[in-house]
């Protein structure tokens, strides 16, 4: 279902297309953690018990396969990862450390976070970031939340499956456009 464009989305798409015409190849990948690389497990299941046991006291719910997909995606496309997750409130260094512990190979792909001063809808954070950093030729959003204005750029995950093979194929279809 197509939604009406917000005035800012029209400007964002204009910036993106103008940069592509100039030959710029930079893709922002807005990354959520929970429901994307942190997969939720149904309480009481064998998978839940195993994850609790394996993580010990470290609060590590990163799905290693999802992080490996992130690694391959970053190798295949000129992406700069922008942390849009609420984890960004723990600061960029903490997000990078968590991802490295989960298997991130190249921490240099993690470029920034969306705003950290206050809480607002994630879609608004992403819009503000894109308008404030107009040097991109494309963008994708990996999240388990709906984002009606960005549905053409959203790789929406199921929080119980995360960034699985099916979602990876969707992300690659979007990235090939850029």
N, C-alpha and C. Protein backbone atom coordinates (compact mmCIF):
# COMPACT_ATOMS: atom_id res chain seq x y z
N UNK A 1 0.84 -1.18 0.00
CA UNK A 1 0.00 0.00 0.00
C UNK A 1 0.88 1.23 0.00
N UNK A 2 0.67 2.12 -0.92
CA UNK A 2 1.47 3.33 -1.06
C UNK A 2 0.88 4.43 -0.20
N UNK A 3 1.74 5.14 0.51
CA UNK A 3 1.32 6.26 1.34
C UNK A 3 1.71 7.55 0.65
N UNK A 4 1.02 8.61 1.01
CA UNK A 4 1.37 9.92 0.50
C UNK A 4 2.76 10.29 1.00
N UNK A 5 3.52 10.95 0.15
CA UNK A 5 4.85 11.40 0.55
C UNK A 5 4.74 12.59 1.49
N UNK A 6 5.58 12.60 2.49
CA UNK A 6 5.69 13.79 3.32
C UNK A 6 6.48 14.81 2.52
N UNK A 7 6.34 16.10 2.83
CA UNK A 7 7.12 17.10 2.11
C UNK A 7 8.62 16.82 2.19
N UNK A 8 9.09 16.34 3.34
CA UNK A 8 10.51 16.06 3.49
C UNK A 8 10.95 14.86 2.67
N UNK A 9 10.08 13.86 2.48
CA UNK A 9 10.44 12.71 1.67
C UNK A 9 10.68 13.14 0.22
N UNK A 10 9.88 14.06 -0.27
CA UNK A 10 10.11 14.57 -1.63
C UNK A 10 11.49 15.21 -1.72
N UNK A 11 11.89 15.97 -0.73
CA UNK A 11 13.21 16.60 -0.72
C UNK A 11 14.30 15.54 -0.59
N UNK A 12 14.08 14.54 0.25
CA UNK A 12 15.06 13.47 0.44
C UNK A 12 15.27 12.73 -0.88
N UNK A 13 14.19 12.41 -1.57
CA UNK A 13 14.32 11.71 -2.85
C UNK A 13 14.99 12.59 -3.90
N UNK A 14 14.72 13.88 -3.89
CA UNK A 14 15.38 14.81 -4.81
C UNK A 14 16.90 14.81 -4.55
N UNK A 15 17.30 14.92 -3.29
CA UNK A 15 18.72 14.92 -2.92
C UNK A 15 19.38 13.63 -3.38
N UNK A 16 18.72 12.52 -3.11
CA UNK A 16 19.26 11.21 -3.45
C UNK A 16 19.49 11.08 -4.95
N UNK A 17 18.50 11.46 -5.75
CA UNK A 17 18.62 11.35 -7.21
C UNK A 17 19.67 12.31 -7.76
N UNK A 18 19.73 13.52 -7.22
CA UNK A 18 20.74 14.49 -7.66
C UNK A 18 22.15 13.97 -7.37
N UNK A 19 22.34 13.37 -6.21
CA UNK A 19 23.66 12.81 -5.87
C UNK A 19 24.03 11.65 -6.77
N UNK A 20 23.06 10.82 -7.14
CA UNK A 20 23.35 9.71 -8.06
C UNK A 20 23.78 10.24 -9.42
N UNK A 21 23.12 11.30 -9.89
CA UNK A 21 23.49 11.90 -11.17
C UNK A 21 24.92 12.43 -11.13
N UNK A 22 25.37 12.88 -9.96
CA UNK A 22 26.74 13.37 -9.79
C UNK A 22 27.74 12.22 -9.67
N UNK A 23 27.26 10.99 -9.62
CA UNK A 23 28.15 9.84 -9.50
C UNK A 23 28.48 9.44 -8.07
N UNK A 24 27.79 10.02 -7.10
CA UNK A 24 28.04 9.68 -5.71
C UNK A 24 27.45 8.31 -5.39
N UNK A 25 28.22 7.50 -4.67
CA UNK A 25 27.76 6.15 -4.28
C UNK A 25 27.96 5.97 -2.78
N UNK A 26 27.02 6.47 -2.02
CA UNK A 26 27.04 6.28 -0.57
C UNK A 26 25.62 5.95 -0.13
N UNK A 27 25.50 4.83 0.53
CA UNK A 27 24.20 4.37 1.01
C UNK A 27 24.21 4.38 2.53
N UNK A 28 23.22 5.05 3.10
CA UNK A 28 23.04 5.00 4.55
C UNK A 28 22.15 3.80 4.88
N UNK A 29 22.58 3.03 5.86
CA UNK A 29 21.79 1.91 6.34
C UNK A 29 21.44 2.22 7.79
N UNK A 30 20.17 2.52 8.03
CA UNK A 30 19.69 2.83 9.38
C UNK A 30 19.35 1.51 10.06
N UNK A 31 20.07 1.21 11.13
CA UNK A 31 19.99 -0.10 11.77
C UNK A 31 19.35 -0.02 13.15
N UNK A 32 18.30 -0.79 13.30
CA UNK A 32 17.69 -1.04 14.60
C UNK A 32 18.35 -2.30 15.15
N UNK A 33 18.40 -2.46 16.45
CA UNK A 33 18.98 -3.67 17.04
C UNK A 33 17.89 -4.69 17.38
N UNK A 34 16.98 -4.31 18.29
CA UNK A 34 15.97 -5.25 18.78
C UNK A 34 14.97 -5.58 17.69
N UNK A 35 14.88 -6.86 17.38
CA UNK A 35 13.99 -7.32 16.33
C UNK A 35 14.67 -7.43 14.98
N UNK A 36 15.92 -6.96 14.89
CA UNK A 36 16.67 -7.03 13.63
C UNK A 36 17.91 -7.91 13.82
N UNK A 37 18.84 -7.45 14.65
CA UNK A 37 20.00 -8.31 14.96
C UNK A 37 19.83 -9.00 16.31
N UNK A 38 19.02 -8.42 17.17
CA UNK A 38 18.64 -9.08 18.42
C UNK A 38 17.29 -9.73 18.18
N UNK A 39 17.29 -11.03 18.12
CA UNK A 39 16.06 -11.77 17.84
C UNK A 39 15.38 -12.10 19.16
N UNK A 40 14.07 -11.92 19.18
CA UNK A 40 13.31 -12.27 20.38
C UNK A 40 13.00 -13.75 20.35
N UNK A 41 13.06 -14.35 21.51
CA UNK A 41 12.75 -15.76 21.65
C UNK A 41 11.52 -15.89 22.53
N UNK A 42 10.64 -16.77 22.14
CA UNK A 42 9.43 -16.98 22.94
C UNK A 42 9.83 -17.65 24.26
N UNK A 43 9.42 -17.00 25.34
CA UNK A 43 9.76 -17.49 26.67
C UNK A 43 9.29 -18.93 26.84
N UNK A 44 10.15 -19.74 27.43
CA UNK A 44 9.80 -21.13 27.69
C UNK A 44 10.21 -22.09 26.59
N UNK A 45 10.60 -21.57 25.43
CA UNK A 45 11.01 -22.46 24.34
C UNK A 45 12.44 -22.91 24.56
N UNK A 46 12.81 -23.97 23.85
CA UNK A 46 14.18 -24.48 23.94
C UNK A 46 15.18 -23.43 23.45
N UNK A 47 14.82 -22.70 22.39
CA UNK A 47 15.71 -21.66 21.86
C UNK A 47 15.91 -20.55 22.90
N UNK A 48 14.86 -20.20 23.62
CA UNK A 48 14.96 -19.18 24.67
C UNK A 48 15.89 -19.64 25.80
N UNK A 49 15.68 -20.86 26.26
CA UNK A 49 16.50 -21.39 27.34
C UNK A 49 17.97 -21.46 26.92
N UNK A 50 18.22 -21.88 25.68
CA UNK A 50 19.59 -21.96 25.18
C UNK A 50 20.22 -20.58 25.13
N UNK A 51 19.49 -19.59 24.65
CA UNK A 51 20.05 -18.24 24.55
C UNK A 51 20.34 -17.67 25.93
N UNK A 52 19.46 -17.88 26.88
CA UNK A 52 19.69 -17.41 28.25
C UNK A 52 20.95 -18.08 28.81
N UNK A 53 21.07 -19.38 28.60
CA UNK A 53 22.24 -20.11 29.10
C UNK A 53 23.52 -19.62 28.44
N UNK A 54 23.49 -19.48 27.11
CA UNK A 54 24.69 -19.06 26.36
C UNK A 54 25.11 -17.63 26.68
N UNK A 55 24.14 -16.76 26.94
CA UNK A 55 24.50 -15.36 27.17
C UNK A 55 24.92 -15.09 28.61
N UNK A 56 24.60 -16.00 29.52
CA UNK A 56 24.99 -15.81 30.92
C UNK A 56 24.44 -14.50 31.45
N UNK A 57 25.29 -13.69 32.02
CA UNK A 57 24.87 -12.40 32.57
C UNK A 57 25.17 -11.23 31.63
N UNK A 58 25.49 -11.51 30.38
CA UNK A 58 25.96 -10.45 29.48
C UNK A 58 24.87 -9.75 28.69
N UNK A 59 23.62 -10.13 28.82
CA UNK A 59 22.52 -9.57 28.04
C UNK A 59 22.90 -9.52 26.56
N UNK A 60 23.20 -10.66 26.03
CA UNK A 60 23.61 -10.78 24.64
C UNK A 60 22.55 -11.56 23.88
N UNK A 61 21.70 -10.84 23.19
CA UNK A 61 20.66 -11.49 22.40
C UNK A 61 20.91 -11.34 20.90
N UNK A 62 22.14 -10.98 20.53
CA UNK A 62 22.46 -10.83 19.11
C UNK A 62 22.42 -12.19 18.43
N UNK A 63 21.79 -12.21 17.29
CA UNK A 63 21.75 -13.40 16.46
C UNK A 63 22.98 -13.37 15.57
N UNK A 64 23.88 -14.31 15.75
CA UNK A 64 25.15 -14.30 15.03
C UNK A 64 24.95 -14.38 13.51
N UNK A 65 23.92 -15.08 13.07
CA UNK A 65 23.64 -15.17 11.62
C UNK A 65 23.21 -13.81 11.08
N UNK A 66 22.44 -13.06 11.85
CA UNK A 66 22.02 -11.72 11.42
C UNK A 66 23.23 -10.80 11.33
N UNK A 67 24.14 -10.89 12.28
CA UNK A 67 25.34 -10.05 12.25
C UNK A 67 26.23 -10.46 11.07
N UNK A 68 26.30 -11.74 10.78
CA UNK A 68 27.08 -12.19 9.61
C UNK A 68 26.45 -11.64 8.32
N UNK A 69 25.12 -11.59 8.27
CA UNK A 69 24.46 -10.98 7.10
C UNK A 69 24.81 -9.50 7.00
N UNK A 70 24.87 -8.82 8.15
CA UNK A 70 25.28 -7.42 8.16
C UNK A 70 26.70 -7.30 7.61
N UNK A 71 27.60 -8.16 8.03
CA UNK A 71 28.97 -8.14 7.52
C UNK A 71 29.00 -8.29 6.00
N UNK A 72 28.31 -9.28 5.49
CA UNK A 72 28.30 -9.52 4.03
C UNK A 72 27.67 -8.35 3.29
N UNK A 73 26.59 -7.80 3.83
CA UNK A 73 25.92 -6.68 3.18
C UNK A 73 26.86 -5.48 3.10
N UNK A 74 27.58 -5.22 4.18
CA UNK A 74 28.53 -4.10 4.21
C UNK A 74 29.70 -4.32 3.26
N UNK A 75 30.08 -5.57 3.04
CA UNK A 75 31.13 -5.88 2.07
C UNK A 75 30.63 -5.69 0.64
N UNK A 76 29.35 -5.96 0.40
CA UNK A 76 28.81 -5.94 -0.96
C UNK A 76 28.32 -4.58 -1.43
N UNK A 77 28.01 -3.68 -0.51
CA UNK A 77 27.45 -2.38 -0.87
C UNK A 77 28.19 -1.26 -0.13
N UNK A 78 28.26 -0.07 -0.74
CA UNK A 78 28.97 1.04 -0.10
C UNK A 78 28.12 1.70 0.99
N UNK A 79 27.88 0.96 2.06
CA UNK A 79 27.00 1.47 3.12
C UNK A 79 27.79 2.08 4.27
N UNK A 80 27.15 3.05 4.86
CA UNK A 80 27.57 3.57 6.15
C UNK A 80 26.41 3.31 7.09
N UNK A 81 26.67 2.57 8.15
CA UNK A 81 25.62 2.19 9.08
C UNK A 81 25.41 3.32 10.07
N UNK A 82 24.15 3.72 10.19
CA UNK A 82 23.71 4.73 11.15
C UNK A 82 22.83 4.01 12.15
N UNK A 83 23.20 4.03 13.42
CA UNK A 83 22.40 3.35 14.44
C UNK A 83 21.17 4.20 14.72
N UNK A 84 20.01 3.65 14.39
CA UNK A 84 18.74 4.34 14.66
C UNK A 84 18.00 3.70 15.83
N UNK A 85 18.51 2.60 16.31
CA UNK A 85 17.94 1.88 17.44
C UNK A 85 17.93 2.74 18.70
N UNK A 86 17.03 2.43 19.61
CA UNK A 86 17.04 3.12 20.90
C UNK A 86 18.34 2.82 21.66
N UNK A 87 19.09 1.82 21.24
CA UNK A 87 20.39 1.53 21.84
C UNK A 87 21.35 2.71 21.65
N UNK A 88 21.05 3.61 20.71
CA UNK A 88 21.92 4.76 20.46
C UNK A 88 22.05 5.65 21.69
N UNK A 89 21.06 5.59 22.58
CA UNK A 89 21.13 6.40 23.80
C UNK A 89 22.27 5.94 24.71
N UNK A 90 22.79 4.72 24.49
CA UNK A 90 23.96 4.24 25.20
C UNK A 90 25.26 4.71 24.55
N UNK A 91 25.14 5.51 23.53
CA UNK A 91 26.25 6.12 22.79
C UNK A 91 26.82 5.16 21.74
N UNK A 92 27.45 5.78 20.76
CA UNK A 92 27.98 5.06 19.61
C UNK A 92 29.03 4.02 20.01
N UNK A 93 29.94 4.37 20.92
CA UNK A 93 30.98 3.42 21.33
C UNK A 93 30.39 2.14 21.91
N UNK A 94 29.34 2.27 22.69
CA UNK A 94 28.68 1.10 23.26
C UNK A 94 28.02 0.25 22.19
N UNK A 95 27.40 0.88 21.22
CA UNK A 95 26.77 0.15 20.11
C UNK A 95 27.82 -0.61 19.30
N UNK A 96 28.93 0.06 19.02
CA UNK A 96 30.01 -0.58 18.26
C UNK A 96 30.58 -1.76 19.04
N UNK A 97 30.80 -1.58 20.33
CA UNK A 97 31.34 -2.67 21.16
C UNK A 97 30.39 -3.87 21.15
N UNK A 98 29.09 -3.61 21.27
CA UNK A 98 28.11 -4.70 21.26
C UNK A 98 28.15 -5.44 19.92
N UNK A 99 28.19 -4.68 18.83
CA UNK A 99 28.22 -5.31 17.50
C UNK A 99 29.52 -6.08 17.27
N UNK A 100 30.64 -5.54 17.72
CA UNK A 100 31.91 -6.26 17.59
C UNK A 100 31.86 -7.58 18.37
N UNK A 101 31.34 -7.53 19.58
CA UNK A 101 31.20 -8.75 20.39
C UNK A 101 30.32 -9.78 19.68
N UNK A 102 29.33 -9.28 18.94
CA UNK A 102 28.39 -10.15 18.23
C UNK A 102 28.95 -10.66 16.90
N UNK A 103 30.13 -10.15 16.50
CA UNK A 103 30.76 -10.66 15.28
C UNK A 103 30.94 -9.65 14.16
N UNK A 104 30.69 -8.38 14.41
CA UNK A 104 30.92 -7.36 13.37
C UNK A 104 32.41 -7.35 13.02
N UNK A 105 32.71 -7.44 11.72
CA UNK A 105 34.11 -7.54 11.28
C UNK A 105 34.79 -6.17 11.15
N UNK A 106 34.07 -5.18 10.64
CA UNK A 106 34.69 -3.89 10.34
C UNK A 106 33.92 -2.78 11.02
N UNK A 107 34.42 -2.33 12.16
CA UNK A 107 33.70 -1.31 12.91
C UNK A 107 33.65 0.03 12.18
N UNK A 108 34.49 0.21 11.16
CA UNK A 108 34.49 1.48 10.42
C UNK A 108 33.21 1.69 9.62
N UNK A 109 32.44 0.63 9.38
CA UNK A 109 31.18 0.80 8.65
C UNK A 109 30.13 1.49 9.51
N UNK A 110 30.32 1.46 10.84
CA UNK A 110 29.38 2.13 11.74
C UNK A 110 29.80 3.59 11.81
N UNK A 111 29.00 4.47 11.21
CA UNK A 111 29.40 5.86 11.02
C UNK A 111 28.85 6.81 12.07
N UNK A 112 27.63 6.55 12.56
CA UNK A 112 26.98 7.59 13.35
C UNK A 112 25.72 7.00 13.99
N UNK A 113 25.02 7.85 14.74
CA UNK A 113 23.70 7.53 15.24
C UNK A 113 22.77 8.65 14.82
N UNK A 114 21.48 8.36 14.83
CA UNK A 114 20.52 9.45 14.65
C UNK A 114 20.54 10.27 15.93
N UNK A 115 19.75 11.31 16.01
CA UNK A 115 19.81 12.23 17.16
C UNK A 115 19.78 11.49 18.48
N UNK A 116 20.40 12.08 19.48
CA UNK A 116 20.42 11.45 20.80
C UNK A 116 19.92 12.39 21.90
N UNK A 117 19.53 13.59 21.55
CA UNK A 117 19.14 14.56 22.57
C UNK A 117 17.81 14.22 23.25
N UNK A 118 16.86 13.70 22.50
CA UNK A 118 15.56 13.39 23.07
C UNK A 118 14.91 12.27 22.27
N UNK A 119 13.85 11.74 22.82
CA UNK A 119 13.16 10.64 22.15
C UNK A 119 12.04 11.18 21.26
N UNK A 120 11.99 10.72 20.03
CA UNK A 120 10.88 11.01 19.12
C UNK A 120 10.70 9.79 18.22
N UNK A 121 9.70 9.81 17.37
CA UNK A 121 9.47 8.67 16.49
C UNK A 121 10.70 8.43 15.63
N UNK A 122 11.02 7.17 15.43
CA UNK A 122 12.22 6.80 14.68
C UNK A 122 12.17 7.33 13.25
N UNK A 123 11.00 7.30 12.65
CA UNK A 123 10.86 7.81 11.28
C UNK A 123 11.27 9.28 11.21
N UNK A 124 10.90 10.07 12.21
CA UNK A 124 11.29 11.48 12.26
C UNK A 124 12.79 11.63 12.45
N UNK A 125 13.39 10.77 13.28
CA UNK A 125 14.85 10.79 13.47
C UNK A 125 15.57 10.57 12.15
N UNK A 126 15.11 9.58 11.41
CA UNK A 126 15.75 9.24 10.14
C UNK A 126 15.58 10.38 9.14
N UNK A 127 14.39 10.94 9.07
CA UNK A 127 14.14 12.08 8.18
C UNK A 127 15.09 13.24 8.49
N UNK A 128 15.19 13.57 9.77
CA UNK A 128 16.08 14.66 10.18
C UNK A 128 17.53 14.36 9.84
N UNK A 129 17.94 13.12 10.04
CA UNK A 129 19.32 12.76 9.75
C UNK A 129 19.61 12.93 8.26
N UNK A 130 18.73 12.42 7.42
CA UNK A 130 18.95 12.52 5.98
C UNK A 130 19.02 13.96 5.51
N UNK A 131 18.15 14.80 6.03
CA UNK A 131 18.16 16.21 5.64
C UNK A 131 19.40 16.93 6.15
N UNK A 132 19.92 16.52 7.29
CA UNK A 132 21.11 17.15 7.86
C UNK A 132 22.41 16.62 7.24
N UNK A 133 22.34 15.47 6.57
CA UNK A 133 23.53 14.85 5.96
C UNK A 133 23.21 14.51 4.50
N UNK A 134 23.12 15.51 3.64
CA UNK A 134 22.64 15.30 2.26
C UNK A 134 23.72 14.81 1.29
N UNK A 135 24.53 13.86 1.71
CA UNK A 135 25.60 13.35 0.86
C UNK A 135 25.41 11.87 0.51
N UNK A 136 24.18 11.43 0.39
CA UNK A 136 23.87 10.02 0.16
C UNK A 136 23.24 9.82 -1.22
N UNK A 137 23.43 8.63 -1.75
CA UNK A 137 22.82 8.27 -3.03
C UNK A 137 21.69 7.26 -2.84
N UNK A 138 21.52 6.80 -1.63
CA UNK A 138 20.44 5.87 -1.31
C UNK A 138 20.43 5.61 0.18
N UNK A 139 19.34 5.00 0.64
CA UNK A 139 19.27 4.62 2.05
C UNK A 139 18.31 3.47 2.22
N UNK A 140 18.57 2.70 3.25
CA UNK A 140 17.71 1.59 3.65
C UNK A 140 17.51 1.69 5.15
N UNK A 141 16.42 1.12 5.58
CA UNK A 141 16.11 1.07 7.01
C UNK A 141 15.85 -0.38 7.37
N UNK A 142 16.59 -0.90 8.33
CA UNK A 142 16.36 -2.25 8.84
C UNK A 142 15.71 -2.08 10.21
N UNK A 143 14.43 -2.43 10.30
CA UNK A 143 13.69 -2.20 11.53
C UNK A 143 12.51 -3.15 11.59
N UNK A 144 11.99 -3.37 12.79
CA UNK A 144 10.80 -4.19 12.95
C UNK A 144 9.55 -3.33 13.15
N UNK A 145 9.71 -2.02 13.04
CA UNK A 145 8.58 -1.09 13.20
C UNK A 145 8.07 -0.64 11.83
N UNK A 146 6.79 -0.31 11.77
CA UNK A 146 6.23 0.27 10.55
C UNK A 146 6.75 1.69 10.36
N UNK A 147 7.01 2.05 9.13
CA UNK A 147 7.41 3.41 8.78
C UNK A 147 6.72 3.77 7.48
N UNK A 148 5.48 4.27 7.58
CA UNK A 148 4.66 4.48 6.39
C UNK A 148 5.28 5.40 5.34
N UNK A 149 6.02 6.41 5.74
CA UNK A 149 6.60 7.33 4.75
C UNK A 149 7.83 6.74 4.06
N UNK A 150 8.42 5.72 4.68
CA UNK A 150 9.65 5.14 4.14
C UNK A 150 9.47 3.69 3.72
N UNK A 151 8.25 3.26 3.44
CA UNK A 151 8.04 1.84 3.17
C UNK A 151 8.83 1.33 1.96
N UNK A 152 9.16 2.19 1.00
CA UNK A 152 9.95 1.74 -0.15
C UNK A 152 11.42 1.52 0.20
N UNK A 153 11.83 1.98 1.35
CA UNK A 153 13.22 1.88 1.79
C UNK A 153 13.37 1.00 3.03
N UNK A 154 12.27 0.49 3.52
CA UNK A 154 12.22 -0.27 4.77
C UNK A 154 12.33 -1.77 4.51
N UNK A 155 13.25 -2.40 5.22
CA UNK A 155 13.33 -3.85 5.28
C UNK A 155 12.77 -4.19 6.66
N UNK A 156 11.49 -4.51 6.67
CA UNK A 156 10.79 -4.74 7.94
C UNK A 156 10.98 -6.19 8.36
N UNK A 157 11.49 -6.35 9.56
CA UNK A 157 11.77 -7.68 10.07
C UNK A 157 10.69 -8.13 11.04
N UNK A 158 10.61 -9.43 11.19
CA UNK A 158 9.78 -10.05 12.22
C UNK A 158 10.69 -10.17 13.45
N UNK A 159 10.29 -9.61 14.60
CA UNK A 159 11.20 -9.62 15.76
C UNK A 159 11.58 -11.02 16.24
N UNK A 160 10.82 -12.04 15.85
CA UNK A 160 11.16 -13.41 16.25
C UNK A 160 12.06 -14.10 15.23
N UNK A 161 12.30 -13.42 14.09
CA UNK A 161 13.18 -13.99 13.05
C UNK A 161 14.37 -13.08 12.76
N UNK A 162 14.21 -11.77 12.96
CA UNK A 162 15.30 -10.84 12.73
C UNK A 162 15.66 -10.72 11.26
N UNK A 163 16.92 -10.34 11.03
CA UNK A 163 17.43 -10.17 9.67
C UNK A 163 17.79 -11.56 9.15
N UNK A 164 16.79 -12.24 8.62
CA UNK A 164 16.99 -13.59 8.13
C UNK A 164 17.28 -13.55 6.62
N UNK A 165 17.40 -14.71 6.00
CA UNK A 165 17.75 -14.80 4.57
C UNK A 165 16.71 -14.09 3.70
N UNK A 166 15.45 -14.23 4.03
CA UNK A 166 14.39 -13.58 3.24
C UNK A 166 14.51 -12.05 3.30
N UNK A 167 14.75 -11.53 4.47
CA UNK A 167 14.90 -10.07 4.64
C UNK A 167 16.18 -9.59 3.97
N UNK A 168 17.20 -10.42 3.96
CA UNK A 168 18.45 -10.07 3.29
C UNK A 168 18.21 -9.92 1.79
N UNK A 169 17.44 -10.82 1.22
CA UNK A 169 17.12 -10.71 -0.22
C UNK A 169 16.35 -9.42 -0.50
N UNK A 170 15.42 -9.06 0.36
CA UNK A 170 14.67 -7.81 0.20
C UNK A 170 15.61 -6.60 0.27
N UNK A 171 16.53 -6.62 1.21
CA UNK A 171 17.49 -5.52 1.36
C UNK A 171 18.34 -5.38 0.11
N UNK A 172 18.78 -6.48 -0.43
CA UNK A 172 19.62 -6.45 -1.63
C UNK A 172 18.86 -5.94 -2.85
N UNK A 173 17.58 -6.26 -2.93
CA UNK A 173 16.75 -5.73 -4.05
C UNK A 173 16.69 -4.21 -3.96
N UNK A 174 16.51 -3.69 -2.74
CA UNK A 174 16.44 -2.24 -2.56
C UNK A 174 17.81 -1.62 -2.86
N UNK A 175 18.87 -2.18 -2.32
CA UNK A 175 20.21 -1.61 -2.48
C UNK A 175 20.65 -1.58 -3.95
N UNK A 176 20.22 -2.54 -4.74
CA UNK A 176 20.60 -2.58 -6.16
C UNK A 176 20.07 -1.38 -6.93
N UNK A 177 19.02 -0.75 -6.42
CA UNK A 177 18.47 0.44 -7.07
C UNK A 177 19.40 1.64 -6.96
N UNK A 178 20.30 1.60 -5.98
CA UNK A 178 21.18 2.73 -5.72
C UNK A 178 22.51 2.56 -6.38
